[in-house]
Amino acid sequence: MSKYSIAIIDDEVEILNVLDRFLSRNGEYTVTTYSNPIHALESVIAGKFDIVLLDIMMPQMNGLEFLERVINQNENQKIIMMTAYSTLDKVLKSHKKGATDFVMKPFESLQYLGNEIQRVLEQ
């Protein structure tokens, strides 16, 4: 049985598939993927996930708006922001709005991302 549940929210289906396969492989995580953040919002606010991997740049709703909506109703939700278009401003806004961590895409390695997830879960 899985120890943790993870939601991955990203408009890039390839990213969702790669992360789902990587994180599901050893059975430690139950992974749910969403290509549209609007479809994920209710479940994340309800606290159905131990951790959320959230892309910042998405057409339906940007990750910062999603983050703010979630944290306003579920301040303990652990959220790792992901982006390929990082600026210091986005990192600072993410942390100010309540993000737990921030990672750059493409990832240094999938193992690096796995280590970051584990670190955040142990906080």
C-alpha atoms as a PDB file:
ATOM      1  CA  MET A   1       0.000   0.000   0.000  1.00  0.00           C
ATOM      2  CA  SER A   2       1.225   3.499  -0.849  1.00  0.00           C
ATOM      3  CA  LYS A   3       2.509   5.699   1.944  1.00  0.00           C
ATOM      4  CA  TYR A   4       1.741   9.047   0.307  1.00  0.00           C
ATOM      5  CA  SER A   5      -0.642  10.537  -2.233  1.00  0.00           C
ATOM      6  CA  ILE A   6       0.644  13.036  -4.786  1.00  0.00           C
ATOM      7  CA  ALA A   7      -1.197  15.282  -7.228  1.00  0.00           C
ATOM      8  CA  ILE A   8       0.738  16.461 -10.262  1.00  0.00           C
ATOM      9  CA  ILE A   9      -0.779  19.438 -12.064  1.00  0.00           C
ATOM     10  CA  ASP A  10       0.830  20.421 -15.372  1.00  0.00           C
ATOM     11  CA  ASP A  11      -0.569  21.258 -18.803  1.00  0.00           C
ATOM     12  CA  GLU A  12       2.242  19.260 -20.479  1.00  0.00           C
ATOM     13  CA  VAL A  13       0.988  15.676 -20.781  1.00  0.00           C
ATOM     14  CA  GLU A  14       4.521  14.333 -21.342  1.00  0.00           C
ATOM     15  CA  ILE A  15       5.642  15.761 -17.975  1.00  0.00           C
ATOM     16  CA  LEU A  16       2.613  14.167 -16.300  1.00  0.00           C
ATOM     17  CA  ASN A  17       3.383  10.778 -17.856  1.00  0.00           C
ATOM     18  CA  VAL A  18       7.102  10.820 -16.974  1.00  0.00           C
ATOM     19  CA  LEU A  19       6.491  11.919 -13.372  1.00  0.00           C
ATOM     20  CA  ASP A  20       3.617   9.467 -12.918  1.00  0.00           C
ATOM     21  CA  ARG A  21       5.767   6.523 -14.087  1.00  0.00           C
ATOM     22  CA  PHE A  22       8.764   7.618 -11.991  1.00  0.00           C
ATOM     23  CA  LEU A  23       6.853   8.268  -8.765  1.00  0.00           C
ATOM     24  CA  SER A  24       4.551   5.231  -9.054  1.00  0.00           C
ATOM     25  CA  ARG A  25       7.291   2.703  -9.800  1.00  0.00           C
ATOM     26  CA  ASN A  26       8.121   1.589  -6.266  1.00  0.00           C
ATOM     27  CA  GLY A  27       4.622   1.805  -4.790  1.00  0.00           C
ATOM     28  CA  GLU A  28       5.541   4.460  -2.224  1.00  0.00           C
ATOM     29  CA  TYR A  29       3.280   7.049  -3.886  1.00  0.00           C
ATOM     30  CA  THR A  30      -0.230   7.021  -5.265  1.00  0.00           C
ATOM     31  CA  VAL A  31      -0.146   9.530  -8.108  1.00  0.00           C
ATOM     32  CA  THR A  32      -3.069  11.467  -9.576  1.00  0.00           C
ATOM     33  CA  THR A  33      -2.382  13.673 -12.588  1.00  0.00           C
ATOM     34  CA  TYR A  34      -4.286  16.690 -13.868  1.00  0.00           C
ATOM     35  CA  SER A  35      -3.628  18.526 -17.127  1.00  0.00           C
ATOM     36  CA  ASN A  36      -6.150  21.208 -16.155  1.00  0.00           C
ATOM     37  CA  PRO A  37      -5.742  22.879 -12.751  1.00  0.00           C
ATOM     38  CA  ILE A  38      -9.439  23.738 -12.554  1.00  0.00           C
ATOM     39  CA  HIS A  39     -10.224  20.002 -12.383  1.00  0.00           C
ATOM     40  CA  ALA A  40      -7.784  19.553  -9.484  1.00  0.00           C
ATOM     41  CA  LEU A  41      -8.773  22.524  -7.347  1.00  0.00           C
ATOM     42  CA  GLU A  42     -11.580  20.986  -5.297  1.00  0.00           C
ATOM     43  CA  SER A  43      -9.638  17.812  -4.431  1.00  0.00           C
ATOM     44  CA  VAL A  44      -6.511  19.735  -3.456  1.00  0.00           C
ATOM     45  CA  ILE A  45      -8.447  22.197  -1.296  1.00  0.00           C
ATOM     46  CA  ALA A  46     -10.155  19.236   0.398  1.00  0.00           C
ATOM     47  CA  GLY A  47      -6.719  17.939   1.433  1.00  0.00           C
ATOM     48  CA  LYS A  48      -6.862  14.667  -0.506  1.00  0.00           C
ATOM     49  CA  PHE A  49      -3.120  14.772  -1.229  1.00  0.00           C
ATOM     50  CA  ASP A  50      -0.038  14.706   0.975  1.00  0.00           C
ATOM     51  CA  ILE A  51       1.835  16.821  -1.558  1.00  0.00           C
ATOM     52  CA  VAL A  52       1.134  18.653  -4.810  1.00  0.00           C
ATOM     53  CA  LEU A  53       3.549  19.274  -7.700  1.00  0.00           C
ATOM     54  CA  LEU A  54       2.217  22.377  -9.425  1.00  0.00           C
ATOM     55  CA  ASP A  55       3.336  23.991 -12.674  1.00  0.00           C
ATOM     56  CA  ILE A  56       3.293  27.790 -12.650  1.00  0.00           C
ATOM     57  CA  MET A  57       2.561  28.458 -16.337  1.00  0.00           C
ATOM     58  CA  MET A  58      -0.729  26.899 -17.449  1.00  0.00           C
ATOM     59  CA  PRO A  59      -3.359  28.316 -19.818  1.00  0.00           C
ATOM     60  CA  GLN A  60      -6.485  27.545 -17.759  1.00  0.00           C
ATOM     61  CA  MET A  61      -5.245  29.061 -14.468  1.00  0.00           C
ATOM     62  CA  ASN A  62      -1.727  30.002 -13.533  1.00  0.00           C
ATOM     63  CA  GLY A  63      -0.058  28.149 -10.692  1.00  0.00           C
ATOM     64  CA  LEU A  64       0.266  31.216  -8.470  1.00  0.00           C
ATOM     65  CA  GLU A  65      -3.505  31.783  -8.550  1.00  0.00           C
ATOM     66  CA  PHE A  66      -4.095  28.067  -7.875  1.00  0.00           C
ATOM     67  CA  LEU A  67      -1.611  28.162  -4.993  1.00  0.00           C
ATOM     68  CA  GLU A  68      -3.284  31.191  -3.438  1.00  0.00           C
ATOM     69  CA  ARG A  69      -6.767  29.622  -3.661  1.00  0.00           C
ATOM     70  CA  VAL A  70      -5.571  26.407  -2.045  1.00  0.00           C
ATOM     71  CA  ILE A  71      -3.537  27.989   0.762  1.00  0.00           C
ATOM     72  CA  ASN A  72      -6.413  30.366   1.629  1.00  0.00           C
ATOM     73  CA  GLN A  73      -8.565  27.325   2.427  1.00  0.00           C
ATOM     74  CA  ASN A  74      -5.974  24.679   3.342  1.00  0.00           C
ATOM     75  CA  GLU A  75      -2.888  26.423   4.719  1.00  0.00           C
ATOM     76  CA  ASN A  76      -1.090  23.173   5.580  1.00  0.00           C
ATOM     77  CA  GLN A  77      -1.134  21.777   2.031  1.00  0.00           C
ATOM     78  CA  LYS A  78       2.424  21.028   0.890  1.00  0.00           C
ATOM     79  CA  ILE A  79       2.967  22.374  -2.620  1.00  0.00           C
ATOM     80  CA  ILE A  80       6.117  22.227  -4.732  1.00  0.00           C
ATOM     81  CA  MET A  81       6.001  24.747  -7.557  1.00  0.00           C
ATOM     82  CA  MET A  82       7.534  23.747 -10.911  1.00  0.00           C
ATOM     83  CA  THR A  83       8.503  25.969 -13.821  1.00  0.00           C
ATOM     84  CA  ALA A  84      10.766  26.188 -16.828  1.00  0.00           C
ATOM     85  CA  TYR A  85      10.430  29.978 -16.807  1.00  0.00           C
ATOM     86  CA  SER A  86      11.820  30.984 -13.454  1.00  0.00           C
ATOM     87  CA  THR A  87      12.516  34.458 -12.316  1.00  0.00           C
ATOM     88  CA  LEU A  88      13.433  35.513  -8.815  1.00  0.00           C
ATOM     89  CA  ASP A  89      10.105  37.342  -8.711  1.00  0.00           C
ATOM     90  CA  LYS A  90       8.155  34.097  -9.307  1.00  0.00           C
ATOM     91  CA  VAL A  91      10.144  32.233  -6.670  1.00  0.00           C
ATOM     92  CA  LEU A  92       9.534  34.977  -4.117  1.00  0.00           C
ATOM     93  CA  LYS A  93       5.829  35.229  -4.976  1.00  0.00           C
ATOM     94  CA  SER A  94       5.479  31.448  -4.679  1.00  0.00           C
ATOM     95  CA  HIS A  95       7.013  31.398  -1.212  1.00  0.00           C
ATOM     96  CA  LYS A  96       5.051  34.450  -0.105  1.00  0.00           C
ATOM     97  CA  LYS A  97       1.802  32.798  -1.207  1.00  0.00           C
ATOM     98  CA  GLY A  98       2.649  29.639   0.742  1.00  0.00           C
ATOM     99  CA  ALA A  99       4.559  27.271  -1.549  1.00  0.00           C
ATOM    100  CA  THR A 100       6.614  24.732   0.348  1.00  0.00           C
ATOM    101  CA  ASP A 101       9.359  24.470  -2.291  1.00  0.00           C
ATOM    102  CA  PHE A 102      10.272  25.389  -5.861  1.00  0.00           C
ATOM    103  CA  VAL A 103      11.974  23.310  -8.582  1.00  0.00           C
ATOM    104  CA  MET A 104      13.112  24.132 -12.099  1.00  0.00           C
ATOM    105  CA  LYS A 105      12.124  22.210 -15.231  1.00  0.00           C
ATOM    106  CA  PRO A 106      13.762  20.432 -16.842  1.00  0.00           C
ATOM    107  CA  PHE A 107      14.622  18.708 -13.609  1.00  0.00           C
ATOM    108  CA  GLU A 108      18.265  18.243 -12.664  1.00  0.00           C
ATOM    109  CA  SER A 109      17.280  14.577 -12.526  1.00  0.00           C
ATOM    110  CA  LEU A 110      14.193  12.633 -11.582  1.00  0.00           C
ATOM    111  CA  GLN A 111      16.074  11.370  -8.539  1.00  0.00           C
ATOM    112  CA  TYR A 112      16.697  14.980  -7.484  1.00  0.00           C
ATOM    113  CA  LEU A 113      12.946  15.639  -7.703  1.00  0.00           C
ATOM    114  CA  GLY A 114      12.252  12.455  -5.742  1.00  0.00           C
ATOM    115  CA  ASN A 115      14.648  13.621  -3.025  1.00  0.00           C
ATOM    116  CA  GLU A 116      12.955  17.043  -2.874  1.00  0.00           C
ATOM    117  CA  ILE A 117       9.535  15.405  -2.523  1.00  0.00           C
ATOM    118  CA  GLN A 118      10.809  13.194   0.286  1.00  0.00           C
ATOM    119  CA  ARG A 119      12.426  16.170   2.038  1.00  0.00           C
ATOM    120  CA  VAL A 120       9.187  18.175   1.903  1.00  0.00           C
ATOM    121  CA  LEU A 121       7.109  15.240   3.145  1.00  0.00           C
ATOM    122  CA  GLU A 122       9.419  14.837   6.143  1.00  0.00           C
ATOM    123  CA  GLN A 123       9.074  18.499   7.186  1.00  0.00           C
END
